[in-house]
Amino acid sequence: MMRYSKYLQNSLLQTILVMSLCLSNASVIAEQSHAINNSVATSPNNSALDQPRQAFLAVEEAFQLDIQTSETQLDLIWVIAPNYYLYRHAFELRYLDEAQPKASAAGLITDQLLLNRGLKTHDDYFGPVEVYYHQAAASIKISSLMALAKQSEPDKKGYLLIKYQGCAEAGLCYPVQSQQISLDNVLSNPI
């Protein structure tokens, strides 16, 4: 009986020893696995899907349009957030009136816009382009706008349709943005 009791005692000690070794090894394996997962997560070879999501600004925050008028010109000034840019080729200015509320080739007046110089670069989608960082400015003479207003029917209100497009350096391109302003407001509120 004594032998059997010693056998059980030795067997129990062996079992406890084996279990503690297993638990110790499991702990080491878990730590190594965690370290490997962390190094993979920060590896530069990971795909964009493995990386945390980039927080992008709302389009109104990324490209803040300020419209100013003087007695001689209308200025369109975009304040562009850091790491965002606007495309020069995407600027469009159209004159619309109530008689012709839809955009047409006849109302296109982009060629009358004076734009500041941008940065020439290569875009993967568009090829060679000119872009604006920090700020973009465009202006048009008030006399040109008044001439357009005179061509419209006297009782019809005129509007300017402003279009632009930009992107975030991190890879998001926004759809073309449109903003419509009343020509009456522009002509009657010089600074």
N, C-alpha and C. Protein backbone atom coordinates (compact mmCIF):
# COMPACT_ATOMS: atom_id res chain seq x y z
N MET A 1 0.81 -1.18 0.00
CA MET A 1 0.00 0.00 0.00
C MET A 1 0.86 1.25 0.00
N MET A 2 1.95 1.12 0.74
CA MET A 2 2.85 2.24 0.83
C MET A 2 3.46 2.54 -0.54
N ARG A 3 3.79 1.48 -1.25
CA ARG A 3 4.34 1.66 -2.58
C ARG A 3 3.35 2.33 -3.51
N TYR A 4 2.13 1.90 -3.43
CA TYR A 4 1.09 2.47 -4.28
C TYR A 4 0.90 3.95 -3.96
N SER A 5 0.95 4.30 -2.70
CA SER A 5 0.81 5.67 -2.26
C SER A 5 1.97 6.52 -2.78
N LYS A 6 3.19 5.99 -2.71
CA LYS A 6 4.35 6.72 -3.25
C LYS A 6 4.24 6.86 -4.75
N TYR A 7 3.72 5.80 -5.39
CA TYR A 7 3.54 5.84 -6.84
C TYR A 7 2.56 6.96 -7.22
N LEU A 8 1.45 7.04 -6.49
CA LEU A 8 0.46 8.09 -6.74
C LEU A 8 1.06 9.47 -6.48
N GLN A 9 1.83 9.55 -5.43
CA GLN A 9 2.45 10.83 -5.09
C GLN A 9 3.43 11.25 -6.19
N ASN A 10 4.27 10.35 -6.65
CA ASN A 10 5.21 10.64 -7.74
C ASN A 10 4.47 10.97 -9.02
N SER A 11 3.45 10.22 -9.28
CA SER A 11 2.65 10.44 -10.48
C SER A 11 1.98 11.81 -10.44
N LEU A 12 1.47 12.15 -9.28
CA LEU A 12 0.83 13.46 -9.11
C LEU A 12 1.85 14.58 -9.28
N LEU A 13 3.04 14.42 -8.72
CA LEU A 13 4.09 15.43 -8.86
C LEU A 13 4.52 15.56 -10.32
N GLN A 14 4.63 14.45 -11.00
CA GLN A 14 5.00 14.48 -12.41
C GLN A 14 3.94 15.21 -13.24
N THR A 15 2.69 14.93 -12.93
CA THR A 15 1.59 15.58 -13.65
C THR A 15 1.61 17.08 -13.40
N ILE A 16 1.82 17.47 -12.17
CA ILE A 16 1.87 18.90 -11.83
C ILE A 16 3.05 19.56 -12.54
N LEU A 17 4.19 18.89 -12.56
CA LEU A 17 5.37 19.41 -13.22
C LEU A 17 5.14 19.57 -14.72
N VAL A 18 4.56 18.57 -15.34
CA VAL A 18 4.27 18.63 -16.78
C VAL A 18 3.28 19.75 -17.07
N MET A 19 2.26 19.88 -16.24
CA MET A 19 1.25 20.93 -16.46
C MET A 19 1.87 22.32 -16.30
N SER A 20 2.73 22.50 -15.32
CA SER A 20 3.34 23.82 -15.14
C SER A 20 4.27 24.14 -16.30
N LEU A 21 4.99 23.14 -16.81
CA LEU A 21 5.83 23.37 -18.00
C LEU A 21 4.97 23.73 -19.21
N CYS A 22 3.84 23.06 -19.35
CA CYS A 22 2.94 23.36 -20.48
C CYS A 22 2.41 24.79 -20.37
N LEU A 23 2.00 25.17 -19.18
CA LEU A 23 1.47 26.52 -18.99
C LEU A 23 2.56 27.56 -19.24
N SER A 24 3.76 27.27 -18.77
CA SER A 24 4.87 28.18 -18.99
C SER A 24 5.17 28.32 -20.48
N ASN A 25 5.20 27.21 -21.19
CA ASN A 25 5.44 27.24 -22.64
C ASN A 25 4.31 27.96 -23.37
N ALA A 26 3.08 27.74 -22.93
CA ALA A 26 1.94 28.40 -23.57
C ALA A 26 2.05 29.91 -23.40
N SER A 27 2.51 30.35 -22.24
CA SER A 27 2.68 31.78 -22.00
C SER A 27 3.76 32.37 -22.91
N VAL A 28 4.87 31.65 -23.06
CA VAL A 28 5.96 32.10 -23.94
C VAL A 28 5.48 32.13 -25.39
N ILE A 29 4.77 31.11 -25.81
CA ILE A 29 4.25 31.05 -27.18
C ILE A 29 3.27 32.20 -27.43
N ALA A 30 2.41 32.48 -26.47
CA ALA A 30 1.46 33.58 -26.62
C ALA A 30 2.18 34.92 -26.75
N GLU A 31 3.24 35.13 -25.94
CA GLU A 31 4.00 36.37 -26.04
C GLU A 31 4.69 36.49 -27.39
N GLN A 32 5.27 35.40 -27.87
CA GLN A 32 5.94 35.42 -29.18
C GLN A 32 4.93 35.67 -30.29
N SER A 33 3.78 35.05 -30.19
CA SER A 33 2.74 35.24 -31.20
C SER A 33 2.29 36.69 -31.22
N HIS A 34 2.12 37.29 -30.05
CA HIS A 34 1.72 38.70 -29.95
C HIS A 34 2.79 39.60 -30.57
N ALA A 35 4.06 39.31 -30.29
CA ALA A 35 5.16 40.11 -30.85
C ALA A 35 5.19 39.98 -32.37
N ILE A 36 4.98 38.78 -32.88
CA ILE A 36 4.96 38.58 -34.34
C ILE A 36 3.81 39.34 -34.96
N ASN A 37 2.63 39.26 -34.35
CA ASN A 37 1.47 39.98 -34.89
C ASN A 37 1.71 41.47 -34.92
N ASN A 38 2.34 42.01 -33.87
CA ASN A 38 2.63 43.44 -33.85
C ASN A 38 3.63 43.83 -34.93
N SER A 39 4.64 43.00 -35.15
CA SER A 39 5.63 43.35 -36.17
C SER A 39 5.02 43.25 -37.55
N VAL A 40 4.11 42.33 -37.78
CA VAL A 40 3.43 42.22 -39.08
C VAL A 40 2.52 43.42 -39.29
N ALA A 41 1.84 43.85 -38.23
CA ALA A 41 0.92 44.98 -38.36
C ALA A 41 1.64 46.26 -38.69
N THR A 42 2.89 46.38 -38.26
CA THR A 42 3.63 47.61 -38.55
C THR A 42 4.59 47.46 -39.72
N SER A 43 4.57 46.32 -40.35
CA SER A 43 5.45 46.07 -41.49
C SER A 43 5.06 46.94 -42.67
N PRO A 44 6.04 47.54 -43.37
CA PRO A 44 5.72 48.39 -44.51
C PRO A 44 5.19 47.60 -45.70
N ASN A 45 5.31 46.28 -45.67
CA ASN A 45 4.83 45.47 -46.79
C ASN A 45 3.36 45.11 -46.68
N ASN A 46 2.72 45.51 -45.61
CA ASN A 46 1.30 45.20 -45.45
C ASN A 46 0.47 45.93 -46.48
N SER A 47 -0.65 45.37 -46.82
CA SER A 47 -1.56 46.04 -47.75
C SER A 47 -2.33 47.12 -47.01
N ALA A 48 -2.97 48.00 -47.77
CA ALA A 48 -3.76 49.09 -47.18
C ALA A 48 -4.90 48.53 -46.35
N LEU A 49 -5.37 47.33 -46.68
CA LEU A 49 -6.47 46.74 -45.93
C LEU A 49 -6.06 46.38 -44.51
N ASP A 50 -4.77 46.09 -44.30
CA ASP A 50 -4.29 45.73 -42.97
C ASP A 50 -4.05 46.94 -42.08
N GLN A 51 -3.99 48.12 -42.65
CA GLN A 51 -3.67 49.33 -41.91
C GLN A 51 -4.94 49.95 -41.31
N PRO A 52 -4.78 50.73 -40.24
CA PRO A 52 -5.95 51.41 -39.69
C PRO A 52 -6.52 52.39 -40.72
N ARG A 53 -7.80 52.62 -40.64
CA ARG A 53 -8.46 53.51 -41.60
C ARG A 53 -8.00 54.94 -41.42
N GLN A 54 -7.78 55.62 -42.55
CA GLN A 54 -7.38 57.03 -42.56
C GLN A 54 -8.64 57.87 -42.37
N ALA A 55 -8.57 58.86 -41.51
CA ALA A 55 -9.70 59.76 -41.32
C ALA A 55 -9.55 60.90 -42.32
N PHE A 56 -10.51 61.04 -43.23
CA PHE A 56 -10.47 62.09 -44.23
C PHE A 56 -11.41 63.22 -43.81
N LEU A 57 -11.04 64.43 -44.19
CA LEU A 57 -11.88 65.60 -43.90
C LEU A 57 -13.10 65.60 -44.80
N ALA A 58 -14.16 66.22 -44.31
CA ALA A 58 -15.32 66.48 -45.18
C ALA A 58 -14.86 67.44 -46.26
N VAL A 59 -15.46 67.37 -47.42
CA VAL A 59 -15.01 68.17 -48.56
C VAL A 59 -15.02 69.67 -48.23
N GLU A 60 -16.01 70.13 -47.45
CA GLU A 60 -16.09 71.55 -47.10
C GLU A 60 -14.95 71.97 -46.18
N GLU A 61 -14.40 71.03 -45.43
CA GLU A 61 -13.26 71.33 -44.56
C GLU A 61 -11.95 71.25 -45.33
N ALA A 62 -11.87 70.33 -46.26
CA ALA A 62 -10.64 70.17 -47.05
C ALA A 62 -10.43 71.35 -47.99
N PHE A 63 -11.53 71.86 -48.57
CA PHE A 63 -11.46 72.94 -49.57
C PHE A 63 -12.50 74.00 -49.20
N GLN A 64 -12.07 75.02 -48.46
CA GLN A 64 -12.99 76.07 -48.01
C GLN A 64 -13.00 77.21 -49.02
N LEU A 65 -14.15 77.40 -49.66
CA LEU A 65 -14.29 78.43 -50.68
C LEU A 65 -14.77 79.73 -50.06
N ASP A 66 -14.01 80.79 -50.31
CA ASP A 66 -14.37 82.13 -49.86
C ASP A 66 -14.61 82.97 -51.11
N ILE A 67 -15.76 83.63 -51.18
CA ILE A 67 -16.12 84.44 -52.35
C ILE A 67 -16.10 85.91 -51.92
N GLN A 68 -15.28 86.71 -52.61
CA GLN A 68 -15.16 88.13 -52.30
C GLN A 68 -15.39 88.94 -53.57
N THR A 69 -16.04 90.07 -53.41
CA THR A 69 -16.26 90.95 -54.56
C THR A 69 -15.75 92.35 -54.24
N SER A 70 -15.27 93.00 -55.27
CA SER A 70 -14.91 94.41 -55.18
C SER A 70 -15.68 95.10 -56.31
N GLU A 71 -15.41 96.36 -56.51
CA GLU A 71 -16.10 97.06 -57.60
C GLU A 71 -15.65 96.58 -58.96
N THR A 72 -14.48 95.98 -59.05
CA THR A 72 -13.95 95.59 -60.35
C THR A 72 -13.86 94.09 -60.61
N GLN A 73 -13.85 93.27 -59.54
CA GLN A 73 -13.71 91.84 -59.80
C GLN A 73 -14.33 90.97 -58.72
N LEU A 74 -14.59 89.74 -59.12
CA LEU A 74 -15.06 88.69 -58.22
C LEU A 74 -13.87 87.76 -57.97
N ASP A 75 -13.56 87.53 -56.70
CA ASP A 75 -12.46 86.64 -56.34
C ASP A 75 -13.01 85.38 -55.69
N LEU A 76 -12.52 84.24 -56.17
CA LEU A 76 -12.84 82.94 -55.59
C LEU A 76 -11.55 82.43 -54.97
N ILE A 77 -11.56 82.23 -53.66
CA ILE A 77 -10.35 81.82 -52.96
C ILE A 77 -10.65 80.54 -52.18
N TRP A 78 -9.89 79.50 -52.50
CA TRP A 78 -10.02 78.23 -51.79
C TRP A 78 -8.87 78.11 -50.80
N VAL A 79 -9.19 77.92 -49.54
CA VAL A 79 -8.19 77.60 -48.53
C VAL A 79 -8.16 76.08 -48.45
N ILE A 80 -7.00 75.51 -48.72
CA ILE A 80 -6.86 74.06 -48.86
C ILE A 80 -6.14 73.50 -47.64
N ALA A 81 -6.73 72.49 -47.03
CA ALA A 81 -6.15 71.86 -45.83
C ALA A 81 -4.81 71.20 -46.16
N PRO A 82 -3.93 71.08 -45.16
CA PRO A 82 -2.66 70.38 -45.39
C PRO A 82 -2.89 68.95 -45.89
N ASN A 83 -2.05 68.52 -46.81
CA ASN A 83 -2.11 67.18 -47.41
C ASN A 83 -3.30 66.97 -48.34
N TYR A 84 -3.88 68.07 -48.81
CA TYR A 84 -4.96 68.03 -49.80
C TYR A 84 -4.57 68.95 -50.95
N TYR A 85 -5.17 68.75 -52.11
CA TYR A 85 -4.87 69.61 -53.26
C TYR A 85 -6.07 69.67 -54.20
N LEU A 86 -6.11 70.75 -55.00
CA LEU A 86 -7.14 70.94 -56.02
C LEU A 86 -6.50 70.83 -57.40
N TYR A 87 -7.26 70.32 -58.36
CA TYR A 87 -6.81 70.25 -59.76
C TYR A 87 -7.17 71.53 -60.49
N ARG A 88 -6.22 72.10 -61.21
CA ARG A 88 -6.49 73.29 -62.01
C ARG A 88 -7.48 72.98 -63.14
N HIS A 89 -7.30 71.85 -63.81
CA HIS A 89 -8.16 71.53 -64.96
C HIS A 89 -9.62 71.29 -64.57
N ALA A 90 -9.89 71.11 -63.28
CA ALA A 90 -11.26 70.84 -62.85
C ALA A 90 -12.05 72.10 -62.53
N PHE A 91 -11.40 73.27 -62.52
CA PHE A 91 -12.13 74.51 -62.26
C PHE A 91 -13.05 74.81 -63.43
N GLU A 92 -14.27 75.17 -63.10
CA GLU A 92 -15.23 75.54 -64.14
C GLU A 92 -16.14 76.63 -63.59
N LEU A 93 -16.42 77.61 -64.42
CA LEU A 93 -17.33 78.68 -64.05
C LEU A 93 -18.34 78.83 -65.17
N ARG A 94 -19.62 78.80 -64.80
CA ARG A 94 -20.70 78.93 -65.79
C ARG A 94 -21.68 80.00 -65.33
N TYR A 95 -22.25 80.65 -66.33
CA TYR A 95 -23.34 81.59 -66.06
C TYR A 95 -24.64 80.87 -66.41
N LEU A 96 -25.58 80.91 -65.48
CA LEU A 96 -26.91 80.32 -65.69
C LEU A 96 -27.95 81.38 -65.36
N ASP A 97 -29.11 81.25 -65.96
CA ASP A 97 -30.22 82.10 -65.52
C ASP A 97 -31.48 81.25 -65.43
N GLU A 98 -32.54 81.85 -64.91
CA GLU A 98 -33.77 81.10 -64.70
C GLU A 98 -34.35 80.58 -66.01
N ALA A 99 -34.10 81.29 -67.11
CA ALA A 99 -34.61 80.85 -68.41
C ALA A 99 -33.83 79.62 -68.89
N GLN A 100 -32.59 79.50 -68.49
CA GLN A 100 -31.75 78.38 -68.89
C GLN A 100 -31.03 77.86 -67.63
N PRO A 101 -31.78 77.15 -66.75
CA PRO A 101 -31.20 76.75 -65.47
C PRO A 101 -30.19 75.61 -65.54
N LYS A 102 -30.12 74.91 -66.65
CA LYS A 102 -29.17 73.80 -66.78
C LYS A 102 -27.89 74.30 -67.43
N ALA A 103 -26.79 73.68 -67.06
CA ALA A 103 -25.49 74.06 -67.63
C ALA A 103 -25.47 73.78 -69.12
N SER A 104 -24.97 74.74 -69.87
CA SER A 104 -24.82 74.57 -71.32
C SER A 104 -23.49 75.16 -71.75
N ALA A 105 -23.06 74.81 -72.94
CA ALA A 105 -21.79 75.34 -73.45
C ALA A 105 -21.85 76.85 -73.58
N ALA A 106 -23.03 77.40 -73.86
CA ALA A 106 -23.17 78.84 -74.03
C ALA A 106 -22.83 79.60 -72.75
N GLY A 107 -23.09 79.01 -71.60
CA GLY A 107 -22.84 79.69 -70.34
C GLY A 107 -21.45 79.49 -69.77
N LEU A 108 -20.62 78.72 -70.44
CA LEU A 108 -19.28 78.43 -69.92
C LEU A 108 -18.40 79.67 -70.02
N ILE A 109 -17.90 80.13 -68.88
CA ILE A 109 -17.04 81.32 -68.88
C ILE A 109 -15.71 81.05 -68.16
N THR A 110 -15.33 79.79 -68.07
CA THR A 110 -14.07 79.43 -67.41
C THR A 110 -12.88 80.12 -68.05
N ASP A 111 -12.94 80.31 -69.37
CA ASP A 111 -11.80 80.94 -70.07
C ASP A 111 -11.59 82.39 -69.65
N GLN A 112 -12.57 82.99 -68.99
CA GLN A 112 -12.42 84.37 -68.51
C GLN A 112 -11.84 84.43 -67.09
N LEU A 113 -11.66 83.28 -66.47
CA LEU A 113 -11.08 83.23 -65.12
C LEU A 113 -9.57 83.44 -65.18
N LEU A 114 -9.07 84.24 -64.28
CA LEU A 114 -7.63 84.38 -64.09
C LEU A 114 -7.27 83.54 -62.88
N LEU A 115 -6.43 82.53 -63.09
CA LEU A 115 -6.05 81.61 -62.01
C LEU A 115 -4.59 81.81 -61.63
N ASN A 116 -4.30 81.69 -60.33
CA ASN A 116 -2.90 81.75 -59.92
C ASN A 116 -2.18 80.49 -60.41
N ARG A 117 -0.87 80.54 -60.44
CA ARG A 117 -0.07 79.42 -60.93
C ARG A 117 -0.03 78.31 -59.87
N GLY A 118 -0.20 77.08 -60.33
CA GLY A 118 -0.12 75.93 -59.44
C GLY A 118 1.19 75.19 -59.60
N LEU A 119 1.25 74.02 -59.03
CA LEU A 119 2.43 73.17 -59.09
C LEU A 119 2.21 72.10 -60.16
N LYS A 120 3.14 72.02 -61.11
CA LYS A 120 3.03 71.00 -62.16
C LYS A 120 3.54 69.68 -61.61
N THR A 121 2.76 68.63 -61.85
CA THR A 121 3.11 67.31 -61.34
C THR A 121 2.52 66.24 -62.26
N HIS A 122 2.78 64.99 -61.93
CA HIS A 122 2.21 63.89 -62.70
C HIS A 122 1.19 63.16 -61.83
N ASP A 123 -0.01 63.00 -62.36
CA ASP A 123 -1.09 62.30 -61.67
C ASP A 123 -1.23 60.92 -62.30
N ASP A 124 -1.37 59.90 -61.47
CA ASP A 124 -1.48 58.53 -61.99
C ASP A 124 -2.69 58.35 -62.90
N TYR A 125 -3.74 59.12 -62.66
CA TYR A 125 -4.96 58.97 -63.45
C TYR A 125 -5.02 59.96 -64.62
N PHE A 126 -4.69 61.23 -64.36
CA PHE A 126 -4.83 62.28 -65.38
C PHE A 126 -3.54 62.55 -66.17
N GLY A 127 -2.41 62.04 -65.71
CA GLY A 127 -1.14 62.34 -66.38
C GLY A 127 -0.59 63.67 -65.89
N PRO A 128 0.05 64.47 -66.79
CA PRO A 128 0.59 65.77 -66.35
C PRO A 128 -0.55 66.73 -65.97
N VAL A 129 -0.46 67.28 -64.78
CA VAL A 129 -1.50 68.19 -64.28
C VAL A 129 -0.85 69.34 -63.52
N GLU A 130 -1.68 70.34 -63.25
CA GLU A 130 -1.29 71.43 -62.37
C GLU A 130 -2.22 71.37 -61.18
N VAL A 131 -1.64 71.43 -59.97
CA VAL A 131 -2.43 71.31 -58.75
C VAL A 131 -2.12 72.47 -57.81
N TYR A 132 -3.02 72.67 -56.86
CA TYR A 132 -2.86 73.74 -55.87
C TYR A 132 -2.84 73.14 -54.47
N TYR A 133 -1.83 73.53 -53.71
CA TYR A 133 -1.74 73.20 -52.29
C TYR A 133 -1.92 74.50 -51.51
N HIS A 134 -2.47 74.41 -50.34
CA HIS A 134 -2.63 75.53 -49.39
C HIS A 134 -3.69 76.53 -49.84
N GLN A 135 -3.59 77.06 -51.06
CA GLN A 135 -4.56 78.06 -51.52
C GLN A 135 -4.61 78.07 -53.05
N ALA A 136 -5.83 78.28 -53.55
CA ALA A 136 -6.03 78.51 -54.98
C ALA A 136 -6.87 79.77 -55.11
N ALA A 137 -6.57 80.58 -56.10
CA ALA A 137 -7.30 81.83 -56.28
C ALA A 137 -7.65 82.01 -57.75
N ALA A 138 -8.89 82.42 -57.98
CA ALA A 138 -9.35 82.70 -59.34
C ALA A 138 -10.14 84.00 -59.28
N SER A 139 -10.08 84.77 -60.34
CA SER A 139 -10.85 86.02 -60.37
C SER A 139 -11.42 86.23 -61.76
N ILE A 140 -12.50 87.00 -61.80
CA ILE A 140 -13.14 87.37 -63.06
C ILE A 140 -13.61 88.81 -62.90
N LYS A 141 -13.54 89.55 -64.00
CA LYS A 141 -13.93 90.96 -63.95
C LYS A 141 -15.44 91.09 -63.79
N ILE A 142 -15.83 92.03 -62.96
CA ILE A 142 -17.25 92.31 -62.75
C ILE A 142 -17.89 92.77 -64.06
N SER A 143 -17.14 93.50 -64.88
CA SER A 143 -17.69 93.97 -66.17
C SER A 143 -18.10 92.78 -67.05
N SER A 144 -17.36 91.70 -67.00
CA SER A 144 -17.72 90.49 -67.77
C SER A 144 -19.02 89.90 -67.24
N LEU A 145 -19.18 89.88 -65.93
CA LEU A 145 -20.40 89.34 -65.33
C LEU A 145 -21.60 90.23 -65.64
N MET A 146 -21.39 91.55 -65.62
CA MET A 146 -22.49 92.48 -65.93
C MET A 146 -22.93 92.32 -67.39
N ALA A 147 -21.98 92.09 -68.28
CA ALA A 147 -22.32 91.88 -69.70
C ALA A 147 -23.17 90.62 -69.85
N LEU A 148 -22.86 89.58 -69.10
CA LEU A 148 -23.67 88.36 -69.15
C LEU A 148 -25.07 88.62 -68.61
N ALA A 149 -25.15 89.38 -67.53
CA ALA A 149 -26.45 89.68 -66.94
C ALA A 149 -27.32 90.48 -67.90
N LYS A 150 -26.72 91.37 -68.69
CA LYS A 150 -27.49 92.17 -69.65
C LYS A 150 -28.03 91.32 -70.79
N GLN A 151 -27.36 90.21 -71.10
CA GLN A 151 -27.82 89.33 -72.17
C GLN A 151 -29.04 88.52 -71.75
N SER A 152 -29.25 88.39 -70.45
CA SER A 152 -30.38 87.61 -69.95
C SER A 152 -31.65 88.43 -70.01
N GLU A 153 -32.75 87.73 -69.93
CA GLU A 153 -34.04 88.43 -69.86
C GLU A 153 -34.07 89.24 -68.57
N PRO A 154 -34.61 90.46 -68.63
CA PRO A 154 -34.55 91.38 -67.48
C PRO A 154 -35.16 90.82 -66.20
N ASP A 155 -36.21 90.04 -66.32
CA ASP A 155 -36.88 89.55 -65.11
C ASP A 155 -36.34 88.20 -64.63
N LYS A 156 -35.31 87.69 -65.27
CA LYS A 156 -34.74 86.39 -64.89
C LYS A 156 -33.47 86.60 -64.06
N LYS A 157 -33.38 85.88 -62.97
CA LYS A 157 -32.20 85.98 -62.11
C LYS A 157 -31.05 85.18 -62.71
N GLY A 158 -29.84 85.72 -62.56
CA GLY A 158 -28.64 85.04 -63.04
C GLY A 158 -27.88 84.39 -61.89
N TYR A 159 -27.19 83.32 -62.21
CA TYR A 159 -26.41 82.58 -61.22
C TYR A 159 -25.04 82.23 -61.79
N LEU A 160 -24.10 82.07 -60.89
CA LEU A 160 -22.80 81.53 -61.26
C LEU A 160 -22.70 80.13 -60.67
N LEU A 161 -22.32 79.19 -61.51
CA LEU A 161 -22.10 77.82 -61.07
C LEU A 161 -20.59 77.59 -61.04
N ILE A 162 -20.07 77.31 -59.86
CA ILE A 162 -18.64 77.11 -59.65
C ILE A 162 -18.40 75.62 -59.42
N LYS A 163 -17.48 75.05 -60.20
CA LYS A 163 -17.15 73.63 -60.03
C LYS A 163 -15.65 73.49 -59.79
N TYR A 164 -15.31 72.50 -58.96
CA TYR A 164 -13.90 72.22 -58.66
C TYR A 164 -13.78 70.79 -58.14
N GLN A 165 -12.57 70.26 -58.18
CA GLN A 165 -12.32 68.91 -57.68
C GLN A 165 -10.94 68.83 -57.06
N GLY A 166 -10.86 68.07 -55.97
CA GLY A 166 -9.59 67.88 -55.30
C GLY A 166 -9.46 66.52 -54.68
N CYS A 167 -8.28 66.28 -54.11
CA CYS A 167 -7.96 64.97 -53.53
C CYS A 167 -7.18 65.15 -52.23
N ALA A 168 -7.11 64.06 -51.48
CA ALA A 168 -6.23 63.96 -50.32
C ALA A 168 -4.98 63.22 -50.76
N GLU A 169 -3.84 63.63 -50.24
CA GLU A 169 -2.58 62.95 -50.56
C GLU A 169 -2.65 61.47 -50.20
N ALA A 170 -3.45 61.12 -49.21
CA ALA A 170 -3.54 59.73 -48.75
C ALA A 170 -4.31 58.83 -49.71
N GLY A 171 -4.83 59.41 -50.82
CA GLY A 171 -5.41 58.55 -51.84
C GLY A 171 -6.89 58.71 -52.11
N LEU A 172 -7.58 59.59 -51.42
CA LEU A 172 -9.01 59.79 -51.68
C LEU A 172 -9.20 60.98 -52.59
N CYS A 173 -9.92 60.79 -53.69
CA CYS A 173 -10.30 61.91 -54.56
C CYS A 173 -11.80 62.13 -54.42
N TYR A 174 -12.16 63.36 -54.17
CA TYR A 174 -13.56 63.72 -54.00
C TYR A 174 -14.23 63.87 -55.36
N PRO A 175 -15.54 63.66 -55.43
CA PRO A 175 -16.23 63.94 -56.69
C PRO A 175 -16.20 65.44 -56.98
N VAL A 176 -16.48 65.81 -58.21
CA VAL A 176 -16.55 67.23 -58.57
C VAL A 176 -17.57 67.91 -57.67
N GLN A 177 -17.19 69.05 -57.13
CA GLN A 177 -18.06 69.83 -56.25
C GLN A 177 -18.66 70.99 -57.02
N SER A 178 -19.90 71.34 -56.71
CA SER A 178 -20.58 72.46 -57.36
C SER A 178 -21.13 73.39 -56.30
N GLN A 179 -21.01 74.67 -56.57
CA GLN A 179 -21.61 75.67 -55.71
C GLN A 179 -22.23 76.74 -56.60
N GLN A 180 -23.46 77.10 -56.29
CA GLN A 180 -24.17 78.09 -57.10
C GLN A 180 -24.38 79.34 -56.26
N ILE A 181 -24.07 80.50 -56.85
CA ILE A 181 -24.30 81.77 -56.15
C ILE A 181 -25.10 82.70 -57.04
N SER A 182 -25.89 83.53 -56.41
CA SER A 182 -26.72 84.49 -57.14
C SER A 182 -25.85 85.62 -57.68
N LEU A 183 -26.01 85.92 -58.96
CA LEU A 183 -25.25 87.02 -59.56
C LEU A 183 -25.69 88.35 -58.96
N ASP A 184 -26.96 88.47 -58.60
CA ASP A 184 -27.44 89.69 -57.94
C ASP A 184 -26.66 89.95 -56.66
N ASN A 185 -26.43 88.90 -55.88
CA ASN A 185 -25.66 89.07 -54.63
C ASN A 185 -24.24 89.51 -54.92
N VAL A 186 -23.64 88.95 -55.95
CA VAL A 186 -22.26 89.30 -56.31
C VAL A 186 -22.18 90.76 -56.74
N LEU A 187 -23.09 91.18 -57.59
CA LEU A 187 -23.04 92.54 -58.15
C LEU A 187 -23.47 93.61 -57.15
N SER A 188 -24.30 93.24 -56.19
CA SER A 188 -24.81 94.25 -55.26
C SER A 188 -24.04 94.32 -53.94
N ASN A 189 -23.07 93.43 -53.73
CA ASN A 189 -22.35 93.41 -52.46
C ASN A 189 -20.84 93.53 -52.60
N PRO A 190 -20.33 94.55 -53.29
CA PRO A 190 -18.87 94.67 -53.35
C PRO A 190 -18.31 95.01 -51.97
N ILE A 191 -17.09 94.57 -51.73
CA ILE A 191 -16.44 94.83 -50.43
C ILE A 191 -15.90 96.24 -50.41
